[in-house]
N, C-alpha and C. Protein backbone atom coordinates (compact mmCIF):
# COMPACT_ATOMS: atom_id res chain seq x y z
N MET A 1 0.83 -0.73 0.27
CA MET A 1 -0.01 0.13 -0.21
C MET A 1 1.03 1.24 0.38
N VAL A 2 0.33 2.41 -1.20
CA VAL A 2 1.65 3.55 -1.33
C VAL A 2 0.39 4.48 -0.34
N ILE A 3 0.58 5.97 0.21
CA ILE A 3 0.28 6.36 0.47
C ILE A 3 0.48 7.73 -0.68
N LYS A 4 -0.47 7.98 -0.70
CA LYS A 4 -0.04 9.00 -1.92
C LYS A 4 -0.45 10.33 -1.87
N VAL A 5 0.25 11.45 -2.10
CA VAL A 5 0.31 12.85 -1.30
C VAL A 5 0.42 14.02 -2.35
N PHE A 6 -0.82 14.69 -2.93
CA PHE A 6 -1.36 14.89 -4.06
C PHE A 6 -0.58 16.80 -3.42
N LEU A 7 0.70 17.42 -4.05
CA LEU A 7 1.38 18.77 -3.62
C LEU A 7 0.75 19.78 -5.06
N ALA A 8 1.36 20.59 -4.63
CA ALA A 8 1.90 21.53 -5.99
C ALA A 8 3.06 22.63 -5.35
N SER A 9 3.65 21.82 -6.17
CA SER A 9 5.30 22.28 -5.98
C SER A 9 5.23 23.93 -5.88
N SER A 10 4.94 24.54 -6.79
CA SER A 10 5.08 25.94 -6.82
C SER A 10 3.75 26.31 -6.60
N SER A 11 3.08 26.71 -5.56
CA SER A 11 2.36 27.10 -5.27
C SER A 11 1.95 28.51 -3.76
N GLY A 12 1.41 29.88 -5.01
CA GLY A 12 1.75 30.87 -4.08
C GLY A 12 1.20 31.08 -2.81
N SER A 13 0.06 30.27 -2.23
CA SER A 13 0.28 30.49 -0.92
C SER A 13 0.57 29.47 -0.28
N THR A 14 1.18 30.78 1.01
CA THR A 14 1.50 30.24 2.15
C THR A 14 1.40 29.89 2.97
N ALA A 15 -0.02 29.24 3.36
CA ALA A 15 -0.79 28.83 4.32
C ALA A 15 -0.97 27.45 2.96
N ILE A 16 -1.18 27.19 1.82
CA ILE A 16 -0.90 25.71 1.26
C ILE A 16 0.33 24.97 1.52
N LYS A 17 1.70 26.18 1.24
CA LYS A 17 3.01 25.37 1.29
C LYS A 17 3.14 24.80 2.99
N LYS A 18 2.70 25.54 4.17
CA LYS A 18 2.96 25.14 5.29
C LYS A 18 2.09 23.99 5.50
N LYS A 19 0.59 23.66 4.94
CA LYS A 19 -0.17 22.59 4.95
C LYS A 19 0.70 20.99 4.61
N GLN A 20 1.00 21.75 3.00
CA GLN A 20 1.62 20.23 2.53
C GLN A 20 3.22 19.77 3.35
N GLN A 21 3.95 21.13 3.88
CA GLN A 21 4.80 20.64 4.80
C GLN A 21 4.44 19.97 6.04
N ASP A 22 3.21 20.76 6.49
CA ASP A 22 3.23 19.25 7.80
C ASP A 22 2.80 17.88 7.44
N VAL A 23 1.26 17.43 6.22
CA VAL A 23 1.45 16.87 6.41
C VAL A 23 3.06 15.86 5.83
N VAL A 24 3.19 16.46 5.40
CA VAL A 24 4.87 15.87 4.72
C VAL A 24 5.73 15.16 5.92
N GLY A 25 5.83 16.07 6.74
CA GLY A 25 6.96 16.02 7.68
C GLY A 25 6.28 14.82 8.80
N PHE A 26 5.00 15.12 9.04
CA PHE A 26 4.59 14.11 9.83
C PHE A 26 4.77 12.82 9.73
N LEU A 27 4.34 12.30 8.07
CA LEU A 27 4.33 11.45 7.36
C LEU A 27 5.68 10.47 7.67
N GLU A 28 6.97 11.43 7.74
CA GLU A 28 8.49 10.97 7.25
C GLU A 28 8.51 10.87 8.97
N ALA A 29 7.77 11.45 10.01
CA ALA A 29 8.66 10.90 11.22
C ALA A 29 7.70 10.41 12.27
N LEU A 30 6.72 9.41 11.00
CA LEU A 30 6.36 8.47 11.23
C LEU A 30 6.64 7.19 10.97
N LYS A 31 7.49 7.58 9.69
CA LYS A 31 8.14 6.75 8.68
C LYS A 31 7.28 5.78 8.18
N VAL A 32 5.77 6.60 7.37
CA VAL A 32 4.77 6.16 6.09
C VAL A 32 5.80 6.53 5.39
N GLU A 33 6.08 5.05 4.68
CA GLU A 33 6.28 5.45 3.06
C GLU A 33 4.87 5.94 2.36
N TYR A 34 5.95 7.14 1.48
CA TYR A 34 4.28 7.73 0.43
C TYR A 34 5.09 8.33 -0.61
N THR A 35 4.36 9.07 -1.47
CA THR A 35 5.07 9.00 -3.05
C THR A 35 4.36 10.97 -2.86
N GLN A 36 5.11 12.05 -3.36
CA GLN A 36 4.77 13.03 -3.76
C GLN A 36 4.19 13.00 -4.96
N LEU A 37 3.28 13.64 -5.56
CA LEU A 37 2.75 13.55 -6.73
C LEU A 37 2.81 14.70 -6.80
N ASP A 38 2.74 16.32 -7.98
CA ASP A 38 3.10 17.49 -8.17
C ASP A 38 1.74 17.45 -9.19
N ILE A 39 1.01 18.05 -8.30
CA ILE A 39 0.00 18.80 -9.32
C ILE A 39 0.08 20.37 -10.14
N ALA A 40 1.24 20.93 -10.00
CA ALA A 40 0.96 22.66 -10.24
C ALA A 40 1.89 21.82 -11.57
N CYS A 41 2.80 20.91 -11.68
CA CYS A 41 3.93 20.58 -13.11
C CYS A 41 3.22 19.66 -13.85
N ASN A 42 2.33 18.43 -13.39
CA ASN A 42 2.04 17.88 -14.19
C ASN A 42 0.43 17.49 -14.14
N GLU A 43 -0.37 17.97 -15.28
CA GLU A 43 -2.15 18.46 -15.49
C GLU A 43 -2.26 16.34 -15.03
N GLU A 44 -1.22 15.45 -15.53
CA GLU A 44 -1.99 14.15 -15.89
C GLU A 44 -2.61 13.88 -13.44
N ASN A 45 -1.81 14.11 -13.31
CA ASN A 45 -1.99 14.20 -11.62
C ASN A 45 -3.26 14.96 -11.22
N ARG A 46 -2.83 16.14 -11.54
CA ARG A 46 -3.99 17.25 -10.96
C ARG A 46 -5.26 16.79 -11.83
N MET A 47 -5.47 15.92 -12.80
CA MET A 47 -7.21 15.93 -12.96
C MET A 47 -7.12 14.51 -12.32
N TRP A 48 -5.96 13.61 -11.98
CA TRP A 48 -6.55 12.52 -11.06
C TRP A 48 -7.31 12.61 -10.03
N MET A 49 -6.15 13.34 -9.33
CA MET A 49 -6.61 14.21 -7.92
C MET A 49 -8.65 14.59 -8.18
N ARG A 50 -8.67 15.67 -8.96
CA ARG A 50 -9.67 16.47 -9.14
C ARG A 50 -10.77 14.42 -9.10
N GLN A 51 -10.54 14.01 -9.51
CA GLN A 51 -11.62 13.14 -10.44
C GLN A 51 -11.98 12.63 -9.51
N ASN A 52 -10.66 12.21 -8.25
CA ASN A 52 -11.15 10.55 -7.34
C ASN A 52 -10.86 11.54 -5.93
N VAL A 53 -11.30 12.61 -5.41
CA VAL A 53 -11.86 13.08 -4.12
C VAL A 53 -13.34 13.25 -4.78
N PRO A 54 -13.47 12.40 -3.89
CA PRO A 54 -15.59 12.45 -3.93
C PRO A 54 -16.34 13.66 -4.08
N GLU A 55 -17.14 13.56 -4.88
CA GLU A 55 -17.90 15.32 -4.53
C GLU A 55 -18.64 15.63 -3.43
N ASP A 56 -18.70 14.65 -2.40
CA ASP A 56 -19.02 15.21 -0.86
C ASP A 56 -18.08 15.99 -0.08
N LYS A 57 -16.76 15.77 -0.66
CA LYS A 57 -15.60 15.76 0.06
C LYS A 57 -15.07 17.49 -0.88
N LYS A 58 -15.63 17.97 -1.41
CA LYS A 58 -14.90 18.97 -2.73
C LYS A 58 -15.52 20.43 -1.91
N PRO A 59 -14.27 21.26 -2.08
CA PRO A 59 -15.62 22.93 -1.73
C PRO A 59 -16.25 23.03 -2.55
N SER A 60 -17.30 24.15 -2.10
CA SER A 60 -18.48 24.84 -3.18
C SER A 60 -17.92 24.73 -4.62
N ASN A 61 -16.53 24.98 -5.01
CA ASN A 61 -16.04 25.87 -6.05
C ASN A 61 -15.81 24.69 -6.60
N GLY A 62 -15.97 23.58 -6.32
CA GLY A 62 -15.46 22.12 -6.83
C GLY A 62 -14.21 21.41 -7.28
N ILE A 63 -13.21 22.80 -6.70
CA ILE A 63 -11.95 22.29 -6.99
C ILE A 63 -11.07 21.90 -5.95
N PRO A 64 -10.23 20.82 -5.34
CA PRO A 64 -9.63 20.40 -4.07
C PRO A 64 -8.59 21.01 -4.53
N LEU A 65 -8.39 21.15 -3.18
CA LEU A 65 -7.11 22.07 -2.97
C LEU A 65 -5.59 20.93 -2.25
N PRO A 66 -4.73 21.40 -2.50
CA PRO A 66 -4.00 20.00 -2.24
C PRO A 66 -3.14 20.88 -0.69
N PRO A 67 -2.50 20.19 0.32
CA PRO A 67 -2.88 18.49 -0.08
C PRO A 67 -4.02 17.63 -0.32
N GLN A 68 -3.85 16.62 -0.65
CA GLN A 68 -5.30 15.52 -0.99
C GLN A 68 -4.60 14.19 -0.94
N ILE A 69 -5.32 13.49 0.28
CA ILE A 69 -4.31 11.80 0.72
C ILE A 69 -5.10 10.92 0.56
N PHE A 70 -4.25 9.93 -0.35
CA PHE A 70 -4.57 8.78 -1.24
C PHE A 70 -4.19 7.61 -0.61
N ASN A 71 -4.82 6.56 -0.23
CA ASN A 71 -3.59 5.24 0.16
C ASN A 71 -4.12 4.63 -0.80
N GLU A 72 -3.27 4.35 -1.83
CA GLU A 72 -3.91 3.46 -3.47
C GLU A 72 -4.17 4.83 -4.30
N GLU A 73 -5.54 3.86 -3.98
CA GLU A 73 -7.12 4.83 -5.19
C GLU A 73 -8.14 5.25 -4.47
N SER A 74 -7.66 4.65 -2.98
CA SER A 74 -8.48 4.90 -1.77
C SER A 74 -8.48 6.86 -1.32
N TYR A 75 -9.50 7.57 -1.62
CA TYR A 75 -9.15 8.58 -1.18
C TYR A 75 -9.31 8.79 1.08
N CYS A 76 -8.06 9.43 1.16
CA CYS A 76 -8.35 9.51 2.77
C CYS A 76 -8.75 10.72 3.26
N GLY A 77 -8.42 11.94 2.72
CA GLY A 77 -8.81 12.87 3.19
C GLY A 77 -8.19 13.80 3.03
N ASP A 78 -8.61 15.20 3.07
CA ASP A 78 -7.22 16.69 2.92
C ASP A 78 -6.90 16.84 4.07
N TYR A 79 -6.12 18.30 4.25
CA TYR A 79 -5.02 18.60 5.18
C TYR A 79 -5.54 18.75 6.93
N GLU A 80 -7.66 19.08 6.35
CA GLU A 80 -8.17 19.40 7.62
C GLU A 80 -8.53 18.05 8.44
N THR A 81 -9.13 17.34 7.53
CA THR A 81 -9.52 15.59 7.99
C THR A 81 -8.15 14.90 8.91
N PHE A 82 -6.63 15.07 7.63
CA PHE A 82 -5.25 14.93 8.55
C PHE A 82 -4.49 15.43 9.80
N PHE A 83 -5.41 16.44 9.87
CA PHE A 83 -4.81 17.41 10.86
C PHE A 83 -6.44 16.72 12.17
N ASP A 84 -7.30 16.55 12.06
CA ASP A 84 -8.29 15.89 12.91
C ASP A 84 -7.76 14.51 13.52
N ALA A 85 -7.18 13.80 12.59
CA ALA A 85 -6.45 12.43 12.53
C ALA A 85 -5.57 12.50 13.81
N LYS A 86 -4.38 13.33 13.25
CA LYS A 86 -3.36 13.69 14.10
C LYS A 86 -3.72 14.04 15.77
N GLU A 87 -4.44 14.65 15.37
CA GLU A 87 -5.27 15.23 16.86
C GLU A 87 -5.67 14.07 17.61
N ASP A 88 -6.38 13.14 17.12
CA ASP A 88 -6.88 12.06 17.96
C ASP A 88 -6.41 10.60 18.17
N ASN A 89 -5.03 11.28 17.78
CA ASN A 89 -4.12 9.90 17.50
C ASN A 89 -4.53 8.70 17.13
N SER A 90 -4.63 9.30 15.30
CA SER A 90 -5.87 8.21 14.62
C SER A 90 -4.89 7.98 12.85
N VAL A 91 -4.02 8.68 13.24
CA VAL A 91 -3.75 9.06 11.78
C VAL A 91 -3.59 7.58 11.17
N TYR A 92 -2.73 6.50 11.33
CA TYR A 92 -2.75 4.86 10.94
C TYR A 92 -4.72 4.48 10.48
N ALA A 93 -5.34 5.10 11.08
CA ALA A 93 -6.85 4.57 10.70
C ALA A 93 -7.35 5.31 9.53
N PHE A 94 -6.73 6.71 9.48
CA PHE A 94 -7.12 7.69 8.59
C PHE A 94 -6.33 7.30 7.31
N LEU A 95 -5.38 6.88 7.41
CA LEU A 95 -4.91 6.31 6.32
C LEU A 95 -4.84 4.88 5.34
N GLY A 96 -5.67 4.18 6.39
CA GLY A 96 -5.70 2.88 6.45
C GLY A 96 -5.04 1.92 6.25
N LEU A 97 -3.58 2.33 7.08
CA LEU A 97 -2.42 1.49 7.30
C LEU A 97 -2.60 1.02 8.84
N PRO A 98 -2.41 -0.71 8.88
CA PRO A 98 -2.66 -0.96 10.56
C PRO A 98 -1.26 -0.28 11.30
N PRO A 99 -1.93 0.04 12.28
CA PRO A 99 -1.10 1.05 13.46
C PRO A 99 0.67 -0.26 14.10
N PRO A 100 1.58 0.37 13.98
CA PRO A 100 2.45 -0.59 14.25
C PRO A 100 2.28 -0.48 15.87
N PRO A 101 2.60 -2.23 16.48
CA PRO A 101 2.56 -2.38 17.57
C PRO A 101 3.21 -1.59 18.95
N GLY A 102 2.47 -1.46 19.60
CA GLY A 102 3.00 -0.81 21.03
C GLY A 102 2.72 0.72 21.12
N SER A 103 1.90 1.44 19.50
CA SER A 103 2.07 2.43 19.73
C SER A 103 0.59 2.82 20.23
N LYS A 104 0.34 4.37 20.56
CA LYS A 104 -0.59 4.65 21.15
C LYS A 104 -2.05 4.49 20.16
N GLU A 105 -2.18 4.58 18.91
CA GLU A 105 -3.00 4.35 18.40
C GLU A 105 -3.63 2.87 18.22
N ALA A 106 -2.26 1.81 18.57
CA ALA A 106 -3.29 0.64 18.66
C ALA A 106 -3.11 0.17 20.00
N VAL A 107 -2.95 0.83 20.37
CA VAL A 107 -3.16 0.51 22.30
C VAL A 107 -5.00 1.05 22.64
N GLN A 108 -5.13 1.78 21.52
CA GLN A 108 -6.48 1.96 21.23
C GLN A 108 -7.32 1.56 20.63
N ALA A 109 -7.12 0.63 19.89
CA ALA A 109 -7.77 -0.05 19.02
C ALA A 109 -7.89 -1.14 20.11
N ASP A 110 -6.93 -1.66 20.61
CA ASP A 110 -7.19 -3.01 21.20
C ASP A 110 -7.77 -2.78 22.50
N LYS A 111 -7.73 -1.39 23.27
CA LYS A 111 -8.91 -1.07 24.07
C LYS A 111 -10.46 -1.49 24.03
N ALA A 112 -10.67 -0.84 22.60
CA ALA A 112 -12.11 -0.95 22.30
C ALA A 112 -11.99 -1.71 21.49
N GLY A 113 -11.48 -2.65 21.50
CA GLY A 113 -11.94 -4.16 20.94
C GLY A 113 -12.08 -3.99 19.06
N LEU A 114 -10.76 -2.85 18.59
CA LEU A 114 -11.34 -2.97 17.21
C LEU A 114 -9.60 -3.12 16.76
N ILE A 115 -9.32 -4.58 16.93
CA ILE A 115 -8.28 -4.84 16.31
C ILE A 115 -7.42 -4.82 14.49
N VAL A 116 -6.95 -4.04 14.64
CA VAL A 116 -7.00 -3.72 13.37
C VAL A 116 -5.64 -4.44 12.54
N GLU A 117 -5.88 -4.98 11.48
CA GLU A 117 -4.82 -6.02 10.33
C GLU A 117 -5.02 -5.74 9.47
N ASN A 118 -3.49 -5.25 8.50
CA ASN A 118 -3.81 -5.55 7.12
C ASN A 118 -4.53 -3.52 6.78
N GLY A 119 -4.42 -2.80 8.17
CA GLY A 119 -5.01 -1.47 7.07
C GLY A 119 -6.72 -1.86 7.61
N THR A 120 -7.15 -2.71 7.49
CA THR A 120 -8.63 -2.72 8.38
C THR A 120 -9.09 -2.09 9.52
N HIS A 121 -9.98 -2.38 9.77
CA HIS A 121 -10.66 -2.52 10.79
C HIS A 121 -11.81 -3.24 11.43
N GLY A 122 -11.76 -3.85 12.76
CA GLY A 122 -12.89 -4.60 13.17
C GLY A 122 -14.18 -3.98 12.73
N GLU A 123 -15.67 -4.79 12.50
CA GLU A 123 -16.80 -4.30 12.15
C GLU A 123 -17.14 -3.51 13.43
N GLU A 124 -16.79 -3.98 15.12
CA GLU A 124 -17.37 -3.34 15.86
C GLU A 124 -17.16 -1.89 16.28
N ALA A 125 -18.57 -1.26 16.72
CA ALA A 125 -18.97 -0.18 16.96
C ALA A 125 -18.35 0.05 18.23
N GLU A 126 -17.70 1.18 18.86
CA GLU A 126 -17.55 1.47 20.31
C GLU A 126 -18.62 1.57 20.73
N PRO A 127 -18.70 0.46 21.58
CA PRO A 127 -19.63 0.77 22.86
C PRO A 127 -20.22 2.03 23.95
N GLU A 128 -21.35 2.29 24.06
CA GLU A 128 -21.79 3.64 24.23
C GLU A 128 -21.35 3.71 25.73
N ALA A 129 -20.61 4.66 26.41
CA ALA A 129 -19.94 4.86 27.66
C ALA A 129 -21.36 5.19 28.52
N THR A 130 -21.15 4.23 29.69
CA THR A 130 -22.47 4.58 30.85
C THR A 130 -22.27 5.77 31.73
N PRO A 131 -22.99 6.70 32.43
CA PRO A 131 -22.41 7.45 32.99
C PRO A 131 -21.39 7.11 34.44
N GLU A 132 -21.33 5.64 34.70
CA GLU A 132 -19.90 5.63 35.44
C GLU A 132 -18.62 5.76 34.62
N GLU A 133 -18.49 5.36 33.59
CA GLU A 133 -17.55 4.68 32.35
C GLU A 133 -16.66 6.25 31.99
N SER A 134 -18.12 7.51 31.99
CA SER A 134 -17.90 8.18 31.03
C SER A 134 -16.88 9.50 31.89
N THR A 135 -16.99 8.92 32.87
CA THR A 135 -16.08 9.87 33.98
C THR A 135 -14.81 9.31 34.15
N GLY A 136 -14.81 8.50 33.59
CA GLY A 136 -13.28 7.55 33.35
C GLY A 136 -12.54 8.54 32.43
N HIS A 137 -13.11 9.04 31.54
CA HIS A 137 -12.07 9.93 30.67
C HIS A 137 -11.30 11.18 30.79
N ALA A 138 -12.11 11.57 31.74
CA ALA A 138 -10.78 12.80 32.04
C ALA A 138 -10.05 12.02 32.99
N GLY A 139 -9.88 11.16 33.34
CA GLY A 139 -8.80 10.14 34.18
C GLY A 139 -7.76 10.17 33.26
N GLU A 140 -8.20 9.20 32.31
CA GLU A 140 -6.99 8.85 30.69
C GLU A 140 -6.75 9.89 30.37
N GLU A 141 -7.30 11.11 30.13
CA GLU A 141 -7.02 12.30 30.00
C GLU A 141 -5.54 13.09 30.40
N GLU A 142 -6.28 12.72 32.23
CA GLU A 142 -4.86 13.17 32.94
C GLU A 142 -3.70 12.26 32.58
N GLU A 143 -3.60 11.25 32.77
CA GLU A 143 -2.64 9.95 32.04
C GLU A 143 -1.95 10.38 31.38
N GLN A 144 -2.86 10.71 30.12
CA GLN A 144 -1.72 10.77 29.10
C GLN A 144 -1.50 12.26 29.13
N GLU A 145 -1.31 12.94 29.88
CA GLU A 145 -0.73 14.81 29.72
C GLU A 145 0.07 14.39 30.64
N GLU A 146 -0.23 13.69 31.35
CA GLU A 146 1.17 13.61 32.55
C GLU A 146 1.93 12.57 31.92
N GLU A 147 1.73 11.50 31.14
CA GLU A 147 2.85 10.99 29.96
C GLU A 147 3.43 11.85 29.59
N GLU A 148 2.87 13.07 28.81
CA GLU A 148 3.65 13.11 27.63
C GLU A 148 4.43 14.63 28.38
N GLU A 149 4.07 14.81 29.86
CA GLU A 149 4.88 15.82 29.95
C GLU A 149 6.11 15.00 31.09
N ASP A 150 6.05 13.60 31.54
CA ASP A 150 7.26 13.06 31.69
C ASP A 150 7.88 13.09 30.37
N LEU A 151 7.44 12.79 29.24
CA LEU A 151 8.54 12.60 28.15
C LEU A 151 9.25 14.10 27.97
N GLU A 152 8.47 15.16 27.46
CA GLU A 152 9.28 16.19 27.63
C GLU A 152 10.20 17.00 28.89
N GLU A 153 9.94 16.19 30.03
CA GLU A 153 11.22 16.23 30.77
C GLU A 153 12.22 15.96 30.51
N THR A 154 12.22 14.21 30.20
CA THR A 154 13.12 13.06 30.46
C THR A 154 14.04 14.07 28.71
N GLN A 155 13.08 14.55 27.88
CA GLN A 155 13.73 15.09 26.64
C GLN A 155 14.90 15.62 26.53
N GLU A 156 14.18 17.14 27.45
CA GLU A 156 14.80 18.26 28.22
C GLU A 156 16.26 17.79 28.92
N GLU A 157 15.77 17.01 29.59
CA GLU A 157 17.19 16.76 30.75
C GLU A 157 18.43 16.05 29.68
N GLU A 158 17.75 15.25 28.62
CA GLU A 158 18.84 14.68 27.90
C GLU A 158 19.36 15.63 26.81
N ALA A 159 18.39 16.88 26.96
CA ALA A 159 19.52 17.67 25.84
C ALA A 159 20.31 18.76 27.04
N GLU A 160 20.23 18.32 28.05
CA GLU A 160 21.32 19.08 28.62
C GLU A 160 22.52 18.44 29.32
């Protein structure tokens, strides 16, 4: 499975450039294999991207802007949906890829009973939380924040 990121190499928009850099940088940090396809210099890439972004995902003018992300022929999303997946620790699911063992996303999938294999998710939906269970989420978020703070402190100490 190859992730395809459609970019514009000669975009005049700094916002688009920053979004493209953010996507590519994050994929590189995760060591995800991907291919950059330039829509500014290659009309074939531009037409393929425009034709394969689902109609309901296109902006009101009908022309999707880069970056647009695909897993082979399957549409994953644009920068906004990528960013949301990044914030939710669900980038691998967004990309249709299995998360690496031990990653936050793999642990979350295991806890939810949604074992991810070969880039597909189990058909089980997450059960609705009961009032008693819903109060437990705040504790999980606090634990995650503490773990992130501990990691930052460790990195700062190592840097000194």
